[in-house]
Amino acid sequence: MSTPPSPQSRLDTAQAATASAQANEALARTRRLRADGLMSDADVETARASAQSANALVRSLQGRDYTLRSPAEGTVTAMNFAVGDIVAAGTTIAAITIDSDVRARFGIDPSLARSVRAGDTIFITPTSGGTTFSARIAAVDPVVDPVTRLASVFANVGAASEIASGEPLKGEILISTRSGVLTIPQTALLDDAGQRYVFTVDQGKAKRVDVVTGAIDAGRVEIVSGLKRADQVITAGVAGVSDGVSLTIEKPGAKAGMKPPRGGQKPSMSQVEQRSGAVANSVGTSAR
C-alpha cells in the first residue's frame, strides 16, 4: 500500500530545507569571523553542529519510504491514521485480515475455562444459520474480560468453512460425560435477579421452584438441585404464569392447561427427564 507525501509532510520538508540553508550560511559566516579573530573555535564548532543537524533532518525527510507492505496477502479492515497524521515509530498503521484461516474468539464462564485445553474440539454454528462444524481449540485465555466478565477461548476456523471476519458464531464444547443427569427443556427456565427457577404442577396449581442449573445440551439444561425425577414443569407460556395460579388438567396423561393471559400463550407441560450421555456447555458468541 503506497501513499503520497501529505501536505504536512511536504511543508515539513520545505521548512527543514530552509533551516538547513540558514544553518549552512551561519556556519560559513562564523568561519569568516573566526578568520578575522572575531569568533572563537567554540563558536565554529557550535555552528558546525547546528548545520550538521539541520542537514541530517533534510536527508531524513527526503529519504522517507511511503510504501507499507504486509507480510501476507489479505484485506485491510482498519486504518488507524489519516494522511498527514504524525505517527511514532512502531505504531500500528493498519489492521489486515489474512485471506486464509479465521481466528474465532469465544466468551466462556471462567469456572468452565479451567476445564478446557488447547486441542479440545469445539462445535461451531453461525448465529445467522448454517451448518455446524467442528474445530480445534488453539488457546485458552483465563483472564476475565472486564466488560463481559468472561474468559476467552480461541479456535482457528478453516477457510473452507467460509466464515467471514466479524461474523458472530456460537460454540459448544464437550465439558464432561455423565449418566443419570436430570434435565428439563431450556424454555422452562426463568430468572429472578440471578436466581433460576421453574414452575411445576403441584395439585393442580403452578408452584415456583428455585433450581440450581448445570450444563446445557441440545436445548435442555441440567438440573443440579431443586427438582426430582417425574416432576412436571411448565415449558411454554411461562411468562403468563404466576405462583399459585390454578391449572386445569384436561385428561390423564395430557398436558396441563389453563386459560392463557390476554395476548399470551397457553402454557404447556413437560416431565423432568433423566438422561445419559454427553453434557456440553455453550461458550457464547464471537465477533471476530
C-alpha atoms as a PDB file:
ATOM      1  CA  MET A   1       0.000   0.000   0.000  1.00  0.00           C
ATOM      2  CA  SER A   2       1.566   3.289  -1.120  1.00  0.00           C
ATOM      3  CA  THR A   3       0.619   6.808  -0.060  1.00  0.00           C
ATOM      4  CA  PRO A   4       1.926  10.087  -1.499  1.00  0.00           C
ATOM      5  CA  PRO A   5       3.528  12.631   0.831  1.00  0.00           C
ATOM      6  CA  SER A   6       0.855  14.587   2.626  1.00  0.00           C
ATOM      7  CA  PRO A   7       0.687  18.387   2.526  1.00  0.00           C
ATOM      8  CA  GLN A   8       2.018  18.427   6.082  1.00  0.00           C
ATOM      9  CA  SER A   9       4.966  16.224   5.093  1.00  0.00           C
ATOM     10  CA  ARG A  10       5.792  18.478   2.144  1.00  0.00           C
ATOM     11  CA  LEU A  11       5.627  21.504   4.431  1.00  0.00           C
ATOM     12  CA  ASP A  12       7.936  19.825   6.978  1.00  0.00           C
ATOM     13  CA  THR A  13      10.454  19.038   4.227  1.00  0.00           C
ATOM     14  CA  ALA A  14      10.413  22.632   2.895  1.00  0.00           C
ATOM     15  CA  GLN A  15      10.846  24.072   6.383  1.00  0.00           C
ATOM     16  CA  ALA A  16      13.734  21.711   7.105  1.00  0.00           C
ATOM     17  CA  ALA A  17      15.416  22.663   3.807  1.00  0.00           C
ATOM     18  CA  THR A  18      15.130  26.353   4.690  1.00  0.00           C
ATOM     19  CA  ALA A  19      16.554  25.748   8.169  1.00  0.00           C
ATOM     20  CA  SER A  20      19.403  23.734   6.666  1.00  0.00           C
ATOM     21  CA  ALA A  21      20.308  26.526   4.236  1.00  0.00           C
ATOM     22  CA  GLN A  22      20.285  29.070   7.056  1.00  0.00           C
ATOM     23  CA  ALA A  23      22.463  26.836   9.255  1.00  0.00           C
ATOM     24  CA  ASN A  24      24.993  26.381   6.439  1.00  0.00           C
ATOM     25  CA  GLU A  25      25.124  30.145   5.828  1.00  0.00           C
ATOM     26  CA  ALA A  26      25.622  30.707   9.547  1.00  0.00           C
ATOM     27  CA  LEU A  27      28.489  28.209   9.595  1.00  0.00           C
ATOM     28  CA  ALA A  28      30.201  29.959   6.655  1.00  0.00           C
ATOM     29  CA  ARG A  29      29.800  33.357   8.316  1.00  0.00           C
ATOM     30  CA  THR A  30      31.186  32.057  11.602  1.00  0.00           C
ATOM     31  CA  ARG A  31      34.256  30.648   9.839  1.00  0.00           C
ATOM     32  CA  ARG A  32      34.922  34.049   8.193  1.00  0.00           C
ATOM     33  CA  LEU A  33      34.586  35.842  11.504  1.00  0.00           C
ATOM     34  CA  ARG A  34      36.896  33.265  13.108  1.00  0.00           C
ATOM     35  CA  ALA A  35      39.498  34.022  10.459  1.00  0.00           C
ATOM     36  CA  ASP A  36      39.247  37.699  11.376  1.00  0.00           C
ATOM     37  CA  GLY A  37      39.612  36.803  15.054  1.00  0.00           C
ATOM     38  CA  LEU A  38      36.088  37.877  15.910  1.00  0.00           C
ATOM     39  CA  MET A  39      34.819  34.357  16.731  1.00  0.00           C
ATOM     40  CA  SER A  40      36.263  31.541  18.823  1.00  0.00           C
ATOM     41  CA  ASP A  41      36.817  27.911  17.893  1.00  0.00           C
ATOM     42  CA  ALA A  42      33.913  27.013  20.169  1.00  0.00           C
ATOM     43  CA  ASP A  43      31.621  29.280  18.120  1.00  0.00           C
ATOM     44  CA  VAL A  44      32.685  27.470  14.952  1.00  0.00           C
ATOM     45  CA  GLU A  45      32.024  24.047  16.477  1.00  0.00           C
ATOM     46  CA  THR A  46      28.556  25.157  17.653  1.00  0.00           C
ATOM     47  CA  ALA A  47      27.689  26.443  14.167  1.00  0.00           C
ATOM     48  CA  ARG A  48      29.036  23.259  12.561  1.00  0.00           C
ATOM     49  CA  ALA A  49      26.891  21.041  14.878  1.00  0.00           C
ATOM     50  CA  SER A  50      23.776  23.074  14.056  1.00  0.00           C
ATOM     51  CA  ALA A  51      24.423  22.766  10.330  1.00  0.00           C
ATOM     52  CA  GLN A  52      25.048  19.023  10.540  1.00  0.00           C
ATOM     53  CA  SER A  53      21.818  18.507  12.486  1.00  0.00           C
ATOM     54  CA  ALA A  54      19.772  20.563  10.006  1.00  0.00           C
ATOM     55  CA  ASN A  55      21.298  18.741   7.017  1.00  0.00           C
ATOM     56  CA  ALA A  56      20.595  15.344   8.609  1.00  0.00           C
ATOM     57  CA  LEU A  57      16.947  16.284   9.130  1.00  0.00           C
ATOM     58  CA  VAL A  58      16.581  17.196   5.459  1.00  0.00           C
ATOM     59  CA  ARG A  59      18.103  13.884   4.360  1.00  0.00           C
ATOM     60  CA  SER A  60      15.763  12.041   6.699  1.00  0.00           C
ATOM     61  CA  LEU A  61      12.654  13.760   5.364  1.00  0.00           C
ATOM     62  CA  GLN A  62      13.663  13.406   1.721  1.00  0.00           C
ATOM     63  CA  GLY A  63      14.524   9.744   2.142  1.00  0.00           C
ATOM     64  CA  ARG A  64      11.249   8.618   3.649  1.00  0.00           C
ATOM     65  CA  ASP A  65       9.632   5.475   2.213  1.00  0.00           C
ATOM     66  CA  TYR A  66       5.877   5.836   1.937  1.00  0.00           C
ATOM     67  CA  THR A  67       5.196   2.220   0.977  1.00  0.00           C
ATOM     68  CA  LEU A  68       3.629  -0.100   3.568  1.00  0.00           C
ATOM     69  CA  ARG A  69       3.960  -3.800   2.851  1.00  0.00           C
ATOM     70  CA  SER A  70       2.003  -6.566   4.565  1.00  0.00           C
ATOM     71  CA  PRO A  71       3.806  -9.838   5.327  1.00  0.00           C
ATOM     72  CA  ALA A  72       0.910 -11.761   3.735  1.00  0.00           C
ATOM     73  CA  GLU A  73      -1.989 -11.217   1.359  1.00  0.00           C
ATOM     74  CA  GLY A  74      -5.208 -10.128   2.942  1.00  0.00           C
ATOM     75  CA  THR A  75      -7.880  -7.460   3.282  1.00  0.00           C
ATOM     76  CA  VAL A  76      -7.357  -4.145   5.059  1.00  0.00           C
ATOM     77  CA  THR A  77     -10.064  -3.995   7.724  1.00  0.00           C
ATOM     78  CA  ALA A  78      -8.993  -0.865   9.605  1.00  0.00           C
ATOM     79  CA  MET A  79      -6.876   2.234   9.047  1.00  0.00           C
ATOM     80  CA  ASN A  80      -5.827   3.815  12.316  1.00  0.00           C
ATOM     81  CA  PHE A  81      -4.436   7.051  10.860  1.00  0.00           C
ATOM     82  CA  ALA A  82      -5.275   9.533   8.118  1.00  0.00           C
ATOM     83  CA  VAL A  83      -2.946  11.106   5.561  1.00  0.00           C
ATOM     84  CA  GLY A  84      -0.942  13.824   7.243  1.00  0.00           C
ATOM     85  CA  ASP A  85      -1.012  12.326  10.740  1.00  0.00           C
ATOM     86  CA  ILE A  86       2.295  12.195  12.608  1.00  0.00           C
ATOM     87  CA  VAL A  87       2.978   8.584  13.600  1.00  0.00           C
ATOM     88  CA  ALA A  88       5.584   7.415  16.079  1.00  0.00           C
ATOM     89  CA  ALA A  89       7.944   4.579  15.194  1.00  0.00           C
ATOM     90  CA  GLY A  90       6.499   1.138  15.933  1.00  0.00           C
ATOM     91  CA  THR A  91       2.880   2.286  15.773  1.00  0.00           C
ATOM     92  CA  THR A  92       0.302   0.014  14.119  1.00  0.00           C
ATOM     93  CA  ILE A  93      -0.935   1.769  10.989  1.00  0.00           C
ATOM     94  CA  ALA A  94      -3.490  -0.699   9.639  1.00  0.00           C
ATOM     95  CA  ALA A  95      -5.220  -3.965  10.536  1.00  0.00           C
ATOM     96  CA  ILE A  96      -5.255  -6.713   7.926  1.00  0.00           C
ATOM     97  CA  THR A  97      -7.287  -9.906   7.832  1.00  0.00           C
ATOM     98  CA  ILE A  98      -5.296 -12.659   6.180  1.00  0.00           C
ATOM     99  CA  ASP A  99      -7.218 -14.410   3.408  1.00  0.00           C
ATOM    100  CA  SER A 100      -6.895 -17.863   4.921  1.00  0.00           C
ATOM    101  CA  ASP A 101      -7.958 -19.259   8.269  1.00  0.00           C
ATOM    102  CA  VAL A 102     -10.065 -17.103  10.609  1.00  0.00           C
ATOM    103  CA  ARG A 103      -9.281 -16.953  14.316  1.00  0.00           C
ATOM    104  CA  ALA A 104     -12.508 -17.048  16.312  1.00  0.00           C
ATOM    105  CA  ARG A 105     -12.798 -15.779  19.875  1.00  0.00           C
ATOM    106  CA  PHE A 106     -15.500 -17.119  22.206  1.00  0.00           C
ATOM    107  CA  GLY A 107     -16.523 -15.993  25.671  1.00  0.00           C
ATOM    108  CA  ILE A 108     -16.748 -18.707  28.323  1.00  0.00           C
ATOM    109  CA  ASP A 109     -17.581 -18.792  32.013  1.00  0.00           C
ATOM    110  CA  PRO A 110     -14.282 -18.511  33.907  1.00  0.00           C
ATOM    111  CA  SER A 111     -15.159 -21.546  36.035  1.00  0.00           C
ATOM    112  CA  LEU A 112     -15.544 -23.649  32.884  1.00  0.00           C
ATOM    113  CA  ALA A 113     -12.424 -22.274  31.206  1.00  0.00           C
ATOM    114  CA  ARG A 114     -10.308 -24.266  33.638  1.00  0.00           C
ATOM    115  CA  SER A 115     -11.717 -27.478  32.157  1.00  0.00           C
ATOM    116  CA  VAL A 116     -10.866 -26.561  28.549  1.00  0.00           C
ATOM    117  CA  ARG A 117      -7.500 -27.326  26.957  1.00  0.00           C
ATOM    118  CA  ALA A 118      -5.842 -26.449  23.680  1.00  0.00           C
ATOM    119  CA  GLY A 119      -6.591 -29.243  21.230  1.00  0.00           C
ATOM    120  CA  ASP A 120     -10.113 -29.880  22.533  1.00  0.00           C
ATOM    121  CA  THR A 121     -12.926 -29.911  19.990  1.00  0.00           C
ATOM    122  CA  ILE A 122     -15.413 -27.047  19.715  1.00  0.00           C
ATOM    123  CA  PHE A 123     -18.612 -27.295  17.677  1.00  0.00           C
ATOM    124  CA  ILE A 124     -19.315 -24.007  15.907  1.00  0.00           C
ATOM    125  CA  THR A 125     -22.557 -22.748  14.386  1.00  0.00           C
ATOM    126  CA  PRO A 126     -23.096 -19.362  12.679  1.00  0.00           C
ATOM    127  CA  THR A 127     -25.784 -17.478  14.598  1.00  0.00           C
ATOM    128  CA  SER A 128     -27.322 -16.423  11.286  1.00  0.00           C
ATOM    129  CA  GLY A 129     -27.944 -20.074  10.472  1.00  0.00           C
ATOM    130  CA  GLY A 130     -25.826 -22.645   8.774  1.00  0.00           C
ATOM    131  CA  THR A 131     -24.201 -26.000   9.197  1.00  0.00           C
ATOM    132  CA  THR A 132     -22.463 -26.827  12.459  1.00  0.00           C
ATOM    133  CA  PHE A 133     -18.828 -27.781  12.041  1.00  0.00           C
ATOM    134  CA  SER A 134     -16.012 -28.696  14.383  1.00  0.00           C
ATOM    135  CA  ALA A 135     -12.639 -27.079  15.001  1.00  0.00           C
ATOM    136  CA  ARG A 136      -9.756 -27.476  17.388  1.00  0.00           C
ATOM    137  CA  ILE A 137      -9.239 -25.043  20.235  1.00  0.00           C
ATOM    138  CA  ALA A 138      -5.999 -23.171  19.662  1.00  0.00           C
ATOM    139  CA  ALA A 139      -5.675 -21.427  23.020  1.00  0.00           C
ATOM    140  CA  VAL A 140      -7.489 -20.634  26.256  1.00  0.00           C
ATOM    141  CA  ASP A 141      -7.106 -17.249  27.951  1.00  0.00           C
ATOM    142  CA  PRO A 142      -8.313 -17.449  31.592  1.00  0.00           C
ATOM    143  CA  VAL A 143      -8.081 -13.668  32.081  1.00  0.00           C
ATOM    144  CA  VAL A 144     -11.581 -12.272  32.655  1.00  0.00           C
ATOM    145  CA  ASP A 145     -12.712  -9.500  30.326  1.00  0.00           C
ATOM    146  CA  PRO A 146     -13.737  -6.502  32.497  1.00  0.00           C
ATOM    147  CA  VAL A 147     -16.772  -5.801  30.300  1.00  0.00           C
ATOM    148  CA  THR A 148     -18.207  -9.263  29.567  1.00  0.00           C
ATOM    149  CA  ARG A 149     -16.853 -10.914  32.743  1.00  0.00           C
ATOM    150  CA  LEU A 150     -15.939 -13.922  30.618  1.00  0.00           C
ATOM    151  CA  ALA A 151     -12.699 -15.741  29.878  1.00  0.00           C
ATOM    152  CA  SER A 152     -11.734 -16.430  26.242  1.00  0.00           C
ATOM    153  CA  VAL A 153     -11.377 -19.484  24.047  1.00  0.00           C
ATOM    154  CA  PHE A 154      -9.711 -19.203  20.625  1.00  0.00           C
ATOM    155  CA  ALA A 155     -10.178 -21.535  17.677  1.00  0.00           C
ATOM    156  CA  ASN A 156      -8.756 -21.493  14.176  1.00  0.00           C
ATOM    157  CA  VAL A 157     -11.590 -21.774  11.661  1.00  0.00           C
ATOM    158  CA  GLY A 158     -10.550 -23.126   8.269  1.00  0.00           C
ATOM    159  CA  ALA A 159     -11.122 -21.092   5.120  1.00  0.00           C
ATOM    160  CA  ALA A 160     -13.294 -23.924   3.787  1.00  0.00           C
ATOM    161  CA  SER A 161     -15.967 -23.004   6.355  1.00  0.00           C
ATOM    162  CA  GLU A 162     -16.471 -19.680   4.506  1.00  0.00           C
ATOM    163  CA  ILE A 163     -16.771 -17.811   7.804  1.00  0.00           C
ATOM    164  CA  ALA A 164     -16.200 -14.108   7.264  1.00  0.00           C
ATOM    165  CA  SER A 165     -14.226 -11.884   9.591  1.00  0.00           C
ATOM    166  CA  GLY A 166     -16.546 -10.328  12.169  1.00  0.00           C
ATOM    167  CA  GLU A 167     -19.299 -12.911  11.695  1.00  0.00           C
ATOM    168  CA  PRO A 168     -20.999 -13.843  15.000  1.00  0.00           C
ATOM    169  CA  LEU A 169     -20.710 -17.503  15.957  1.00  0.00           C
ATOM    170  CA  LYS A 170     -21.974 -19.827  18.645  1.00  0.00           C
ATOM    171  CA  GLY A 171     -19.767 -22.574  20.026  1.00  0.00           C
ATOM    172  CA  GLU A 172     -20.236 -25.615  22.211  1.00  0.00           C
ATOM    173  CA  ILE A 173     -17.507 -27.560  23.986  1.00  0.00           C
ATOM    174  CA  LEU A 174     -17.911 -31.009  25.463  1.00  0.00           C
ATOM    175  CA  ILE A 175     -17.017 -30.459  29.105  1.00  0.00           C
ATOM    176  CA  SER A 176     -17.876 -33.831  30.616  1.00  0.00           C
ATOM    177  CA  THR A 177     -19.759 -37.066  30.075  1.00  0.00           C
ATOM    178  CA  ARG A 178     -22.128 -38.176  32.816  1.00  0.00           C
ATOM    179  CA  SER A 179     -25.050 -40.532  33.218  1.00  0.00           C
ATOM    180  CA  GLY A 180     -28.278 -40.106  35.152  1.00  0.00           C
ATOM    181  CA  VAL A 181     -28.451 -36.348  34.558  1.00  0.00           C
ATOM    182  CA  LEU A 182     -31.781 -34.654  35.340  1.00  0.00           C
ATOM    183  CA  THR A 183     -32.713 -32.274  32.514  1.00  0.00           C
ATOM    184  CA  ILE A 184     -35.604 -30.025  31.502  1.00  0.00           C
ATOM    185  CA  PRO A 185     -36.286 -28.025  28.324  1.00  0.00           C
ATOM    186  CA  GLN A 186     -34.376 -24.765  28.425  1.00  0.00           C
ATOM    187  CA  THR A 187     -37.612 -22.873  27.636  1.00  0.00           C
ATOM    188  CA  ALA A 188     -38.928 -23.757  31.112  1.00  0.00           C
ATOM    189  CA  LEU A 189     -36.176 -21.829  32.876  1.00  0.00           C
ATOM    190  CA  LEU A 190     -36.840 -18.363  34.315  1.00  0.00           C
ATOM    191  CA  ASP A 191     -34.601 -15.908  36.125  1.00  0.00           C
ATOM    192  CA  ASP A 192     -35.318 -13.627  39.062  1.00  0.00           C
ATOM    193  CA  ALA A 193     -32.353 -11.338  39.823  1.00  0.00           C
ATOM    194  CA  GLY A 194     -29.942 -14.167  39.165  1.00  0.00           C
ATOM    195  CA  GLN A 195     -31.998 -16.877  40.826  1.00  0.00           C
ATOM    196  CA  ARG A 196     -33.050 -19.547  38.336  1.00  0.00           C
ATOM    197  CA  TYR A 197     -36.491 -21.047  38.835  1.00  0.00           C
ATOM    198  CA  VAL A 198     -39.258 -23.010  37.112  1.00  0.00           C
ATOM    199  CA  PHE A 199     -42.969 -23.542  37.583  1.00  0.00           C
ATOM    200  CA  THR A 200     -44.047 -27.069  38.431  1.00  0.00           C
ATOM    201  CA  VAL A 201     -47.551 -28.536  38.585  1.00  0.00           C
ATOM    202  CA  ASP A 202     -48.492 -29.297  42.198  1.00  0.00           C
ATOM    203  CA  GLN A 203     -52.046 -30.446  42.979  1.00  0.00           C
ATOM    204  CA  GLY A 204     -53.461 -28.584  40.034  1.00  0.00           C
ATOM    205  CA  LYS A 205     -51.647 -25.324  40.759  1.00  0.00           C
ATOM    206  CA  ALA A 206     -48.496 -23.700  39.471  1.00  0.00           C
ATOM    207  CA  LYS A 207     -45.690 -23.715  42.011  1.00  0.00           C
ATOM    208  CA  ARG A 208     -42.467 -21.764  41.774  1.00  0.00           C
ATOM    209  CA  VAL A 209     -39.414 -23.896  42.466  1.00  0.00           C
ATOM    210  CA  ASP A 210     -35.928 -22.409  42.679  1.00  0.00           C
ATOM    211  CA  VAL A 211     -33.321 -24.560  40.952  1.00  0.00           C
ATOM    212  CA  VAL A 212     -29.582 -24.798  40.506  1.00  0.00           C
ATOM    213  CA  THR A 213     -28.624 -25.437  36.900  1.00  0.00           C
ATOM    214  CA  GLY A 214     -25.632 -27.094  35.300  1.00  0.00           C
ATOM    215  CA  ALA A 215     -24.631 -27.852  31.747  1.00  0.00           C
ATOM    216  CA  ILE A 216     -26.674 -27.221  28.602  1.00  0.00           C
ATOM    217  CA  ASP A 217     -27.062 -29.712  25.778  1.00  0.00           C
ATOM    218  CA  ALA A 218     -29.321 -29.683  22.702  1.00  0.00           C
ATOM    219  CA  GLY A 219     -31.897 -27.281  24.137  1.00  0.00           C
ATOM    220  CA  ARG A 220     -32.059 -28.961  27.528  1.00  0.00           C
ATOM    221  CA  VAL A 221     -30.499 -27.776  30.775  1.00  0.00           C
ATOM    222  CA  GLU A 222     -29.157 -29.885  33.608  1.00  0.00           C
ATOM    223  CA  ILE A 223     -30.849 -29.509  36.995  1.00  0.00           C
ATOM    224  CA  VAL A 224     -28.327 -29.940  39.789  1.00  0.00           C
ATOM    225  CA  SER A 225     -30.842 -29.405  42.590  1.00  0.00           C
ATOM    226  CA  GLY A 226     -34.418 -28.277  43.129  1.00  0.00           C
ATOM    227  CA  LEU A 227     -36.290 -30.889  41.099  1.00  0.00           C
ATOM    228  CA  LYS A 228     -36.646 -34.630  41.182  1.00  0.00           C
ATOM    229  CA  ARG A 229     -37.376 -37.138  38.501  1.00  0.00           C
ATOM    230  CA  ALA A 230     -41.005 -37.208  37.313  1.00  0.00           C
ATOM    231  CA  ASP A 231     -41.716 -33.627  38.459  1.00  0.00           C
ATOM    232  CA  GLN A 232     -43.832 -31.841  35.882  1.00  0.00           C
ATOM    233  CA  VAL A 233     -42.681 -28.390  34.771  1.00  0.00           C
ATOM    234  CA  ILE A 234     -44.381 -25.805  32.593  1.00  0.00           C
ATOM    235  CA  THR A 235     -42.259 -25.270  29.485  1.00  0.00           C
ATOM    236  CA  ALA A 236     -44.150 -22.768  27.308  1.00  0.00           C
ATOM    237  CA  GLY A 237     -46.178 -19.671  28.064  1.00  0.00           C
ATOM    238  CA  VAL A 238     -44.369 -19.365  31.379  1.00  0.00           C
ATOM    239  CA  ALA A 239     -44.391 -15.558  31.154  1.00  0.00           C
ATOM    240  CA  GLY A 240     -48.143 -15.647  31.868  1.00  0.00           C
ATOM    241  CA  VAL A 241     -47.878 -17.989  34.853  1.00  0.00           C
ATOM    242  CA  SER A 242     -47.670 -16.899  38.487  1.00  0.00           C
ATOM    243  CA  ASP A 243     -47.123 -18.833  41.679  1.00  0.00           C
ATOM    244  CA  GLY A 244     -50.320 -20.466  42.938  1.00  0.00           C
ATOM    245  CA  VAL A 245     -52.403 -19.980  39.783  1.00  0.00           C
ATOM    246  CA  SER A 246     -54.869 -22.814  39.210  1.00  0.00           C
ATOM    247  CA  LEU A 247     -54.267 -25.171  36.308  1.00  0.00           C
ATOM    248  CA  THR A 248     -56.772 -27.422  34.628  1.00  0.00           C
ATOM    249  CA  ILE A 249     -55.678 -30.971  33.860  1.00  0.00           C
ATOM    250  CA  GLU A 250     -57.563 -31.829  30.696  1.00  0.00           C
ATOM    251  CA  LYS A 251     -57.256 -35.606  30.996  1.00  0.00           C
ATOM    252  CA  PRO A 252     -54.857 -38.144  32.459  1.00  0.00           C
ATOM    253  CA  GLY A 253     -51.593 -38.146  30.549  1.00  0.00           C
ATOM    254  CA  ALA A 254     -52.426 -34.908  28.723  1.00  0.00           C
ATOM    255  CA  LYS A 255     -50.673 -31.595  29.062  1.00  0.00           C
ATOM    256  CA  ALA A 256     -51.620 -29.248  31.861  1.00  0.00           C
ATOM    257  CA  GLY A 257     -53.764 -26.386  30.689  1.00  0.00           C
ATOM    258  CA  MET A 258     -55.082 -23.005  31.825  1.00  0.00           C
ATOM    259  CA  LYS A 259     -56.692 -20.038  30.240  1.00  0.00           C
ATOM    260  CA  PRO A 260     -53.934 -18.036  28.597  1.00  0.00           C
ATOM    261  CA  PRO A 261     -53.448 -14.418  29.662  1.00  0.00           C
ATOM    262  CA  ARG A 262     -54.659 -11.753  27.270  1.00  0.00           C
ATOM    263  CA  GLY A 263     -52.224 -11.675  24.369  1.00  0.00           C
ATOM    264  CA  GLY A 264     -50.291 -14.554  25.957  1.00  0.00           C
ATOM    265  CA  GLN A 265     -49.536 -18.160  25.123  1.00  0.00           C
ATOM    266  CA  LYS A 266     -51.218 -21.194  26.657  1.00  0.00           C
ATOM    267  CA  PRO A 267     -48.753 -22.974  28.926  1.00  0.00           C
ATOM    268  CA  SER A 268     -47.585 -26.481  28.113  1.00  0.00           C
ATOM    269  CA  MET A 269     -46.027 -29.053  30.404  1.00  0.00           C
ATOM    270  CA  SER A 270     -43.041 -31.370  30.297  1.00  0.00           C
ATOM    271  CA  GLN A 271     -41.708 -34.045  32.615  1.00  0.00           C
ATOM    272  CA  VAL A 272     -38.251 -33.874  34.120  1.00  0.00           C
ATOM    273  CA  GLU A 273     -36.151 -36.473  32.342  1.00  0.00           C
ATOM    274  CA  GLN A 274     -33.168 -38.498  33.412  1.00  0.00           C
ATOM    275  CA  ARG A 275     -30.691 -38.814  30.565  1.00  0.00           C
ATOM    276  CA  SER A 276     -27.373 -40.474  29.971  1.00  0.00           C
ATOM    277  CA  GLY A 277     -24.538 -39.397  27.719  1.00  0.00           C
ATOM    278  CA  ALA A 278     -22.618 -36.287  26.923  1.00  0.00           C
ATOM    279  CA  VAL A 279     -23.192 -32.928  28.516  1.00  0.00           C
ATOM    280  CA  ALA A 280     -21.986 -29.883  26.600  1.00  0.00           C
ATOM    281  CA  ASN A 281     -21.640 -26.261  27.618  1.00  0.00           C
ATOM    282  CA  SER A 282     -22.338 -23.292  25.395  1.00  0.00           C
ATOM    283  CA  VAL A 283     -19.450 -20.841  25.217  1.00  0.00           C
ATOM    284  CA  GLY A 284     -21.155 -17.794  23.789  1.00  0.00           C
ATOM    285  CA  THR A 285     -20.600 -15.821  20.625  1.00  0.00           C
ATOM    286  CA  SER A 286     -17.698 -14.484  18.634  1.00  0.00           C
ATOM    287  CA  ALA A 287     -17.320 -11.178  16.875  1.00  0.00           C
ATOM    288  CA  ARG A 288     -14.008 -11.720  15.110  1.00  0.00           C
END
